[in-house]
C-alpha atoms as a PDB file:
ATOM      1  CA  MET A   1     -25.759   9.287  42.728  1.00  0.00           C
ATOM      2  CA  THR A   2     -23.696   6.426  41.515  1.00  0.00           C
ATOM      3  CA  GLY A   3     -22.495   6.306  37.507  1.00  0.00           C
ATOM      4  CA  THR A   4     -22.591   3.102  35.246  1.00  0.00           C
ATOM      5  CA  ILE A   5     -20.521   2.138  32.529  1.00  0.00           C
ATOM      6  CA  LYS A   6     -21.962   2.284  29.307  1.00  0.00           C
ATOM      7  CA  ASP A   7     -18.992   1.508  27.253  1.00  0.00           C
ATOM      8  CA  VAL A   8     -14.865   1.137  27.390  1.00  0.00           C
ATOM      9  CA  LYS A   9     -13.862   4.282  25.770  1.00  0.00           C
ATOM     10  CA  ARG A  10     -11.975   3.098  22.401  1.00  0.00           C
ATOM     11  CA  ASP A  11     -11.385   6.195  20.520  1.00  0.00           C
ATOM     12  CA  LYS A  12      -8.139   7.054  22.170  1.00  0.00           C
ATOM     13  CA  PHE A  13      -5.828   5.768  19.259  1.00  0.00           C
ATOM     14  CA  VAL A  14      -8.188   6.855  16.565  1.00  0.00           C
ATOM     15  CA  LEU A  15      -8.112  10.591  17.940  1.00  0.00           C
ATOM     16  CA  ILE A  16      -4.351  10.411  18.305  1.00  0.00           C
ATOM     17  CA  VAL A  17      -4.159   9.549  14.585  1.00  0.00           C
ATOM     18  CA  ALA A  18      -6.617  11.801  13.512  1.00  0.00           C
ATOM     19  CA  TRP A  19      -5.061  14.920  14.954  1.00  0.00           C
ATOM     20  CA  VAL A  20      -1.432  13.642  13.520  1.00  0.00           C
ATOM     21  CA  PHE A  21      -3.096  13.596  10.202  1.00  0.00           C
ATOM     22  CA  ILE A  22      -4.733  17.243  10.847  1.00  0.00           C
ATOM     23  CA  LEU A  23      -1.296  18.300  12.093  1.00  0.00           C
ATOM     24  CA  THR A  24       0.527  16.906   9.054  1.00  0.00           C
ATOM     25  CA  LEU A  25      -1.955  18.618   6.724  1.00  0.00           C
ATOM     26  CA  LEU A  26      -1.562  22.005   8.169  1.00  0.00           C
ATOM     27  CA  ILE A  27       2.103  21.989   8.605  1.00  0.00           C
ATOM     28  CA  VAL A  28       2.771  20.567   4.901  1.00  0.00           C
ATOM     29  CA  GLY A  29      -0.393  22.034   2.968  1.00  0.00           C
ATOM     30  CA  LYS A  30      -0.855  25.370   5.246  1.00  0.00           C
ATOM     31  CA  LYS A  31      -3.674  26.984   3.665  1.00  0.00           C
ATOM     32  CA  GLN A  32      -4.342  24.255   1.232  1.00  0.00           C
ATOM     33  CA  GLY A  33      -4.371  22.081   3.964  1.00  0.00           C
ATOM     34  CA  LEU A  34      -6.824  23.700   6.087  1.00  0.00           C
ATOM     35  CA  LEU A  35      -9.079  23.794   3.005  1.00  0.00           C
ATOM     36  CA  SER A  36      -8.741  20.361   2.564  1.00  0.00           C
ATOM     37  CA  ILE A  37      -9.630  19.581   6.214  1.00  0.00           C
ATOM     38  CA  ILE A  38     -12.875  21.605   5.718  1.00  0.00           C
ATOM     39  CA  SER A  39     -13.803  20.039   2.503  1.00  0.00           C
ATOM     40  CA  LEU A  40     -13.143  16.417   4.102  1.00  0.00           C
ATOM     41  CA  ALA A  41     -15.258  17.438   7.072  1.00  0.00           C
ATOM     42  CA  VAL A  42     -18.327  19.103   4.833  1.00  0.00           C
ATOM     43  CA  ASN A  43     -18.247  15.934   2.581  1.00  0.00           C
ATOM     44  CA  ALA A  44     -18.590  13.543   5.695  1.00  0.00           C
ATOM     45  CA  ILE A  45     -21.711  15.616   6.900  1.00  0.00           C
ATOM     46  CA  LEU A  46     -23.017  15.256   3.317  1.00  0.00           C
ATOM     47  CA  LEU A  47     -22.507  11.708   2.907  1.00  0.00           C
ATOM     48  CA  SER A  48     -24.282  11.241   6.472  1.00  0.00           C
ATOM     49  CA  TYR A  49     -27.009  13.669   5.719  1.00  0.00           C
ATOM     50  CA  ALA A  50     -27.500  11.411   2.044  1.00  0.00           C
ATOM     51  CA  LEU A  51     -27.239   8.333   3.969  1.00  0.00           C
ATOM     52  CA  ASP A  52     -29.980   9.261   6.423  1.00  0.00           C
ATOM     53  CA  PHE A  53     -32.369  11.074   3.767  1.00  0.00           C
ATOM     54  CA  TYR A  54     -32.067   6.977   2.022  1.00  0.00           C
ATOM     55  CA  LEU A  55     -32.951   5.427   5.057  1.00  0.00           C
ATOM     56  CA  ASN A  56     -36.351   7.710   6.132  1.00  0.00           C
ATOM     57  CA  THR A  57     -37.202   7.713   2.173  1.00  0.00           C
ATOM     58  CA  SER A  58     -38.563   4.635   0.480  1.00  0.00           C
ATOM     59  CA  ASN A  59     -39.093   6.137  -3.326  1.00  0.00           C
ATOM     60  CA  ILE A  60     -35.749   7.532  -4.094  1.00  0.00           C
ATOM     61  CA  GLY A  61     -33.039   5.177  -4.876  1.00  0.00           C
ATOM     62  CA  LEU A  62     -29.506   4.751  -3.076  1.00  0.00           C
ATOM     63  CA  VAL A  63     -27.765   5.098  -6.668  1.00  0.00           C
ATOM     64  CA  LEU A  64     -29.635   8.523  -7.350  1.00  0.00           C
ATOM     65  CA  ILE A  65     -28.825  10.002  -4.098  1.00  0.00           C
ATOM     66  CA  CYS A  66     -25.271   9.118  -4.093  1.00  0.00           C
ATOM     67  CA  SER A  67     -25.093  10.661  -8.100  1.00  0.00           C
ATOM     68  CA  ILE A  68     -26.285  13.698  -6.697  1.00  0.00           C
ATOM     69  CA  SER A  69     -23.731  13.196  -3.566  1.00  0.00           C
ATOM     70  CA  ILE A  70     -20.893  12.683  -6.172  1.00  0.00           C
ATOM     71  CA  ILE A  71     -21.632  15.923  -7.969  1.00  0.00           C
ATOM     72  CA  LEU A  72     -21.698  17.836  -4.812  1.00  0.00           C
ATOM     73  CA  PHE A  73     -18.427  16.261  -3.310  1.00  0.00           C
ATOM     74  CA  THR A  74     -16.956  16.914  -6.753  1.00  0.00           C
ATOM     75  CA  VAL A  75     -17.787  20.732  -6.911  1.00  0.00           C
ATOM     76  CA  PHE A  76     -17.404  21.719  -3.393  1.00  0.00           C
ATOM     77  CA  SER A  77     -14.068  19.675  -2.776  1.00  0.00           C
ATOM     78  CA  LEU A  78     -12.515  20.954  -6.386  1.00  0.00           C
ATOM     79  CA  LEU A  79     -13.870  24.545  -5.826  1.00  0.00           C
ATOM     80  CA  LEU A  80     -12.623  24.760  -2.522  1.00  0.00           C
ATOM     81  CA  VAL A  81      -9.196  23.709  -2.453  1.00  0.00           C
ATOM     82  CA  ASN A  82      -8.236  25.045  -6.160  1.00  0.00           C
ATOM     83  CA  GLY A  83     -10.347  27.893  -6.420  1.00  0.00           C
ATOM     84  CA  PHE A  84     -12.790  28.989  -9.721  1.00  0.00           C
ATOM     85  CA  ASN A  85     -10.177  28.909 -12.756  1.00  0.00           C
ATOM     86  CA  GLU A  86      -9.944  26.843 -15.923  1.00  0.00           C
ATOM     87  CA  LYS A  87      -7.897  24.030 -14.257  1.00  0.00           C
ATOM     88  CA  THR A  88     -10.439  23.151 -11.362  1.00  0.00           C
ATOM     89  CA  TYR A  89     -13.667  23.373 -14.291  1.00  0.00           C
ATOM     90  CA  ALA A  90     -11.432  20.497 -16.172  1.00  0.00           C
ATOM     91  CA  ALA A  91     -10.877  18.617 -13.012  1.00  0.00           C
ATOM     92  CA  VAL A  92     -14.661  18.842 -12.055  1.00  0.00           C
ATOM     93  CA  ILE A  93     -15.772  17.718 -15.454  1.00  0.00           C
ATOM     94  CA  ALA A  94     -13.187  15.001 -16.150  1.00  0.00           C
ATOM     95  CA  THR A  95     -13.964  13.769 -12.636  1.00  0.00           C
ATOM     96  CA  LEU A  96     -17.571  13.389 -13.254  1.00  0.00           C
ATOM     97  CA  LEU A  97     -17.578  11.828 -16.477  1.00  0.00           C
ATOM     98  CA  GLY A  98     -14.999   9.289 -15.113  1.00  0.00           C
ATOM     99  CA  THR A  99     -16.998   8.409 -12.224  1.00  0.00           C
ATOM    100  CA  PHE A 100     -20.212   7.766 -14.080  1.00  0.00           C
ATOM    101  CA  LEU A 101     -18.689   6.087 -16.829  1.00  0.00           C
ATOM    102  CA  SER A 102     -17.095   3.570 -14.662  1.00  0.00           C
ATOM    103  CA  LEU A 103     -20.418   2.923 -12.978  1.00  0.00           C
ATOM    104  CA  LEU A 104     -21.805   2.414 -16.198  1.00  0.00           C
ATOM    105  CA  ILE A 105     -19.281   0.045 -17.091  1.00  0.00           C
ATOM    106  CA  ALA A 106     -19.527  -1.823 -14.058  1.00  0.00           C
ATOM    107  CA  TYR A 107     -23.442  -2.153 -14.262  1.00  0.00           C
ATOM    108  CA  LEU A 108     -23.078  -3.240 -17.863  1.00  0.00           C
ATOM    109  CA  VAL A 109     -21.222  -6.007 -17.057  1.00  0.00           C
ATOM    110  CA  MET A 110     -23.151  -7.168 -14.183  1.00  0.00           C
ATOM    111  CA  TRP A 111     -25.952  -7.241 -16.290  1.00  0.00           C
ATOM    112  CA  LEU A 112     -24.444  -9.187 -19.320  1.00  0.00           C
ATOM    113  CA  THR A 113     -23.110 -11.782 -16.585  1.00  0.00           C
ATOM    114  CA  SER A 114     -26.111 -11.816 -14.853  1.00  0.00           C
ATOM    115  CA  GLU A 115     -23.938 -10.699 -11.605  1.00  0.00           C
ATOM    116  CA  LYS A 116     -21.991 -14.375 -11.312  1.00  0.00           C
ATOM    117  CA  GLY A 117     -19.252 -14.908  -8.845  1.00  0.00           C
ATOM    118  CA  LEU A 118     -20.314 -11.819  -6.952  1.00  0.00           C
ATOM    119  CA  ARG A 119     -21.098 -12.921  -3.348  1.00  0.00           C
ATOM    120  CA  TYR A 120     -23.245 -10.710  -1.671  1.00  0.00           C
ATOM    121  CA  GLU A 121     -23.212 -12.963   1.852  1.00  0.00           C
ATOM    122  CA  GLU A 122     -21.260 -10.285   3.801  1.00  0.00           C
ATOM    123  CA  MET A 123     -24.591  -7.666   3.038  1.00  0.00           C
ATOM    124  CA  GLN A 124     -27.014 -10.325   4.243  1.00  0.00           C
ATOM    125  CA  PHE A 125     -27.813  -8.269   7.352  1.00  0.00           C
ATOM    126  CA  ILE A 126     -28.995  -4.813   5.631  1.00  0.00           C
ATOM    127  CA  THR A 127     -32.903  -4.801   4.539  1.00  0.00           C
ATOM    128  CA  ARG A 128     -32.435  -2.965   1.568  1.00  0.00           C
ATOM    129  CA  PRO A 129     -31.260  -4.389  -2.141  1.00  0.00           C
ATOM    130  CA  TYR A 130     -28.069  -5.821  -2.191  1.00  0.00           C
ATOM    131  CA  LYS A 131     -27.254  -4.864  -5.851  1.00  0.00           C
ATOM    132  CA  MET A 132     -28.060  -0.802  -5.077  1.00  0.00           C
ATOM    133  CA  VAL A 133     -26.074  -0.907  -1.949  1.00  0.00           C
ATOM    134  CA  PHE A 134     -23.067  -2.355  -3.557  1.00  0.00           C
ATOM    135  CA  LEU A 135     -23.438   0.078  -6.657  1.00  0.00           C
ATOM    136  CA  ALA A 136     -23.499   3.001  -4.532  1.00  0.00           C
ATOM    137  CA  GLY A 137     -20.595   1.775  -2.588  1.00  0.00           C
ATOM    138  CA  LEU A 138     -18.625   1.304  -5.764  1.00  0.00           C
ATOM    139  CA  PHE A 139     -19.829   4.617  -7.035  1.00  0.00           C
ATOM    140  CA  ILE A 140     -18.537   6.607  -4.013  1.00  0.00           C
ATOM    141  CA  GLY A 141     -15.192   4.167  -3.633  1.00  0.00           C
ATOM    142  CA  SER A 142     -14.014   5.080  -7.204  1.00  0.00           C
ATOM    143  CA  LEU A 143     -14.739   8.938  -7.043  1.00  0.00           C
ATOM    144  CA  GLY A 144     -11.501   9.372  -4.596  1.00  0.00           C
ATOM    145  CA  ALA A 145      -9.238   7.801  -7.081  1.00  0.00           C
ATOM    146  CA  VAL A 146     -10.592   9.510 -10.266  1.00  0.00           C
ATOM    147  CA  MET A 147     -10.806  12.705  -8.652  1.00  0.00           C
ATOM    148  CA  ASP A 148      -7.209  12.203  -7.778  1.00  0.00           C
ATOM    149  CA  ILE A 149      -6.376  11.677 -11.507  1.00  0.00           C
ATOM    150  CA  ALA A 150      -8.574  14.173 -12.746  1.00  0.00           C
ATOM    151  CA  ILE A 151      -6.872  17.488 -10.487  1.00  0.00           C
ATOM    152  CA  THR A 152      -3.157  15.575 -11.291  1.00  0.00           C
ATOM    153  CA  MET A 153      -3.840  15.468 -15.125  1.00  0.00           C
ATOM    154  CA  SER A 154      -5.495  19.025 -15.397  1.00  0.00           C
ATOM    155  CA  SER A 155      -2.731  20.118 -13.188  1.00  0.00           C
ATOM    156  CA  SER A 156      -0.198  19.205 -15.203  1.00  0.00           C
ATOM    157  CA  ILE A 157      -1.269  19.940 -18.448  1.00  0.00           C
ATOM    158  CA  PHE A 158      -2.213  23.384 -17.322  1.00  0.00           C
ATOM    159  CA  GLY A 159       1.345  23.574 -15.881  1.00  0.00           C
ATOM    160  CA  LEU A 160       2.860  22.907 -19.139  1.00  0.00           C
ATOM    161  CA  TYR A 161       0.737  25.548 -20.839  1.00  0.00           C
ATOM    162  CA  GLU A 162       1.989  28.096 -18.358  1.00  0.00           C
ATOM    163  CA  LYS A 163       5.470  27.544 -18.806  1.00  0.00           C
ATOM    164  CA  ASN A 164       5.130  27.567 -22.444  1.00  0.00           C
ATOM    165  CA  ASN A 165       2.041  29.544 -23.916  1.00  0.00           C
ATOM    166  CA  HIS A 166       3.138  28.352 -27.515  1.00  0.00           C
ATOM    167  CA  ILE A 167       3.231  24.588 -26.784  1.00  0.00           C
ATOM    168  CA  SER A 168       1.526  22.650 -29.435  1.00  0.00           C
ATOM    169  CA  VAL A 169      -1.399  20.485 -28.646  1.00  0.00           C
ATOM    170  CA  LYS A 170       0.252  17.736 -29.984  1.00  0.00           C
ATOM    171  CA  ALA A 171       3.172  17.977 -27.410  1.00  0.00           C
ATOM    172  CA  LEU A 172       0.478  18.623 -24.533  1.00  0.00           C
ATOM    173  CA  LYS A 173      -0.915  15.309 -25.362  1.00  0.00           C
ATOM    174  CA  THR A 174       2.074  13.493 -25.832  1.00  0.00           C
ATOM    175  CA  SER A 175       3.185  15.180 -22.300  1.00  0.00           C
ATOM    176  CA  GLY A 176      -0.142  14.550 -21.007  1.00  0.00           C
ATOM    177  CA  LEU A 177      -0.455  10.534 -21.942  1.00  0.00           C
ATOM    178  CA  GLU A 178       3.290  10.373 -20.409  1.00  0.00           C
ATOM    179  CA  ILE A 179       1.972  11.544 -17.058  1.00  0.00           C
ATOM    180  CA  GLY A 180      -1.004   9.334 -17.538  1.00  0.00           C
ATOM    181  CA  LYS A 181       0.889   6.491 -17.901  1.00  0.00           C
ATOM    182  CA  ASP A 182       3.316   7.301 -15.259  1.00  0.00           C
ATOM    183  CA  ILE A 183       0.364   7.815 -12.294  1.00  0.00           C
ATOM    184  CA  MET A 184      -1.916   5.036 -13.893  1.00  0.00           C
ATOM    185  CA  GLY A 185      -0.171   1.911 -12.352  1.00  0.00           C
ATOM    186  CA  THR A 186       0.397   3.430  -8.885  1.00  0.00           C
ATOM    187  CA  MET A 187      -2.818   4.531  -8.549  1.00  0.00           C
ATOM    188  CA  THR A 188      -4.464   1.169  -9.504  1.00  0.00           C
ATOM    189  CA  ASN A 189      -2.275  -0.564  -6.997  1.00  0.00           C
ATOM    190  CA  ILE A 190      -3.471   1.825  -4.191  1.00  0.00           C
ATOM    191  CA  LEU A 191      -6.963   0.986  -5.008  1.00  0.00           C
ATOM    192  CA  PHE A 192      -6.212  -2.790  -4.963  1.00  0.00           C
ATOM    193  CA  PHE A 193      -4.559  -2.951  -1.556  1.00  0.00           C
ATOM    194  CA  ALA A 194      -6.952  -0.275  -0.077  1.00  0.00           C
ATOM    195  CA  TYR A 195      -9.767  -2.630  -0.727  1.00  0.00           C
ATOM    196  CA  ILE A 196      -8.039  -5.930  -0.301  1.00  0.00           C
ATOM    197  CA  SER A 197      -6.759  -4.953   3.191  1.00  0.00           C
ATOM    198  CA  GLY A 198     -10.274  -4.526   4.660  1.00  0.00           C
ATOM    199  CA  SER A 199     -10.918  -8.233   4.114  1.00  0.00           C
ATOM    200  CA  ILE A 200      -7.889  -9.376   5.869  1.00  0.00           C
ATOM    201  CA  PRO A 201      -9.063 -10.232   9.068  1.00  0.00           C
ATOM    202  CA  MET A 202     -12.038 -12.306   7.562  1.00  0.00           C
ATOM    203  CA  ILE A 203      -9.590 -14.424   5.300  1.00  0.00           C
ATOM    204  CA  ILE A 204      -7.702 -14.957   8.385  1.00  0.00           C
ATOM    205  CA  LEU A 205     -10.776 -15.930  10.590  1.00  0.00           C
ATOM    206  CA  TYR A 206     -11.816 -18.283   7.644  1.00  0.00           C
ATOM    207  CA  LEU A 207      -8.211 -20.091   7.289  1.00  0.00           C
ATOM    208  CA  LYS A 208      -8.176 -20.258  10.822  1.00  0.00           C
ATOM    209  CA  ASN A 209     -11.253 -22.171  10.777  1.00  0.00           C
ATOM    210  CA  ASP A 210      -9.720 -24.573   7.766  1.00  0.00           C
ATOM    211  CA  SER A 211     -11.934 -23.293   5.045  1.00  0.00           C
ATOM    212  CA  ALA A 212     -10.399 -24.141   1.859  1.00  0.00           C
ATOM    213  CA  LEU A 213      -8.238 -21.286   0.486  1.00  0.00           C
ATOM    214  CA  GLY A 214     -10.424 -21.032  -3.017  1.00  0.00           C
ATOM    215  CA  PHE A 215     -13.662 -20.724  -0.948  1.00  0.00           C
ATOM    216  CA  THR A 216     -12.088 -17.797   1.447  1.00  0.00           C
ATOM    217  CA  LEU A 217     -11.288 -15.712  -1.176  1.00  0.00           C
ATOM    218  CA  SER A 218     -14.280 -16.112  -3.164  1.00  0.00           C
ATOM    219  CA  MET A 219     -16.466 -15.291  -0.075  1.00  0.00           C
ATOM    220  CA  ASN A 220     -14.325 -12.269   0.972  1.00  0.00           C
ATOM    221  CA  LEU A 221     -12.673 -10.781  -2.364  1.00  0.00           C
ATOM    222  CA  THR A 222     -14.865 -10.668  -4.834  1.00  0.00           C
ATOM    223  CA  LEU A 223     -16.842  -7.564  -3.938  1.00  0.00           C
ATOM    224  CA  GLU A 224     -13.691  -5.960  -3.228  1.00  0.00           C
ATOM    225  CA  LEU A 225     -11.968  -7.165  -6.181  1.00  0.00           C
ATOM    226  CA  ALA A 226     -15.165  -5.646  -8.098  1.00  0.00           C
ATOM    227  CA  ARG A 227     -14.782  -2.423  -6.541  1.00  0.00           C
ATOM    228  CA  ALA A 228     -11.113  -2.301  -7.258  1.00  0.00           C
ATOM    229  CA  LEU A 229     -11.540  -3.498 -10.822  1.00  0.00           C
ATOM    230  CA  ALA A 230     -14.773  -0.730 -11.166  1.00  0.00           C
ATOM    231  CA  GLY A 231     -12.192   2.296  -9.725  1.00  0.00           C
ATOM    232  CA  GLY A 232      -9.268   0.855 -11.866  1.00  0.00           C
ATOM    233  CA  ILE A 233     -11.334   1.283 -15.117  1.00  0.00           C
ATOM    234  CA  GLY A 234     -12.489   4.889 -13.657  1.00  0.00           C
ATOM    235  CA  ILE A 235      -8.916   5.930 -13.136  1.00  0.00           C
ATOM    236  CA  VAL A 236      -7.725   4.546 -16.840  1.00  0.00           C
ATOM    237  CA  LEU A 237     -10.844   6.445 -18.357  1.00  0.00           C
ATOM    238  CA  THR A 238     -10.174   9.773 -16.651  1.00  0.00           C
ATOM    239  CA  ILE A 239      -6.679   9.972 -18.173  1.00  0.00           C
ATOM    240  CA  PRO A 240      -7.554  10.789 -21.555  1.00  0.00           C
ATOM    241  CA  ILE A 241     -10.694  12.394 -20.312  1.00  0.00           C
ATOM    242  CA  GLY A 242      -8.611  14.972 -18.313  1.00  0.00           C
ATOM    243  CA  LEU A 243      -5.961  15.446 -21.121  1.00  0.00           C
ATOM    244  CA  TYR A 244      -8.610  16.230 -23.605  1.00  0.00           C
ATOM    245  CA  VAL A 245     -10.893  18.343 -21.558  1.00  0.00           C
ATOM    246  CA  SER A 246      -7.955  20.327 -20.053  1.00  0.00           C
ATOM    247  CA  ILE A 247      -6.893  21.056 -23.764  1.00  0.00           C
ATOM    248  CA  PHE A 248     -10.499  22.140 -24.715  1.00  0.00           C
ATOM    249  CA  PHE A 249      -9.923  24.744 -22.018  1.00  0.00           C
ATOM    250  CA  ILE A 250      -6.481  25.748 -23.025  1.00  0.00           C
ATOM    251  CA  ASN A 251      -7.351  26.223 -26.850  1.00  0.00           C
ATOM    252  CA  ARG A 252     -10.518  28.368 -25.473  1.00  0.00           C
ATOM    253  CA  LYS A 253      -7.889  30.621 -23.765  1.00  0.00           C
ATOM    254  CA  ARG A 254      -5.774  30.632 -26.431  1.00  0.00           C
ATOM    255  CA  GLU A 255      -8.911  32.028 -28.779  1.00  0.00           C
ATOM    256  CA  ARG A 256      -9.575  35.040 -26.427  1.00  0.00           C
END
């Protein structure tokens, strides 16, 4: 019996990079690294099932499914990696509030501007409503950065409290805002470059075909910029939310 080649095997380098990533996490993070890998794998499976459920269900919106998924992602990831404690609870609340508020603001801006300037041409091949698919992607995309900010703020504030149980609320607010200012710019830049980098091949293709620069950027960057800006809004909002939620839990500990 003769075999047939179905396709070229192309996953060699992807697997190498994946294993380097896993080994690095285990070497540097040890137990926390292992828990992070488990969290990543479970979240990927949950997202896959959520999308499959959406494709096979016509009466439930994608944004609603993604909202439920985001709650599961946040609770499972933070509790698994950081355990059941006030610091984690504060991070969970801050993550959910920051993510949902960023989506709400993005939706309001789209509604007030009638989505002018957004180019959905790259989504023409799907058979579902462009707007809902875009909002769902924006929702999921904002979660990672917002979660990072939330756990950073929570860990920092609780770290200050654990070093000095008598630290004042005013000092916690001042220190927390300084920490937030330090990480706000870098995280916003990370979002911007992460989204824009995916459009580089298409930008090069358009420019190689003598398309005007303005038209090229308009066609390829409007959705990515909108995602980056929505994520940036989530980051900025999560800093004070994470700060005040953490202080709320610290005050509860003091009252016990």
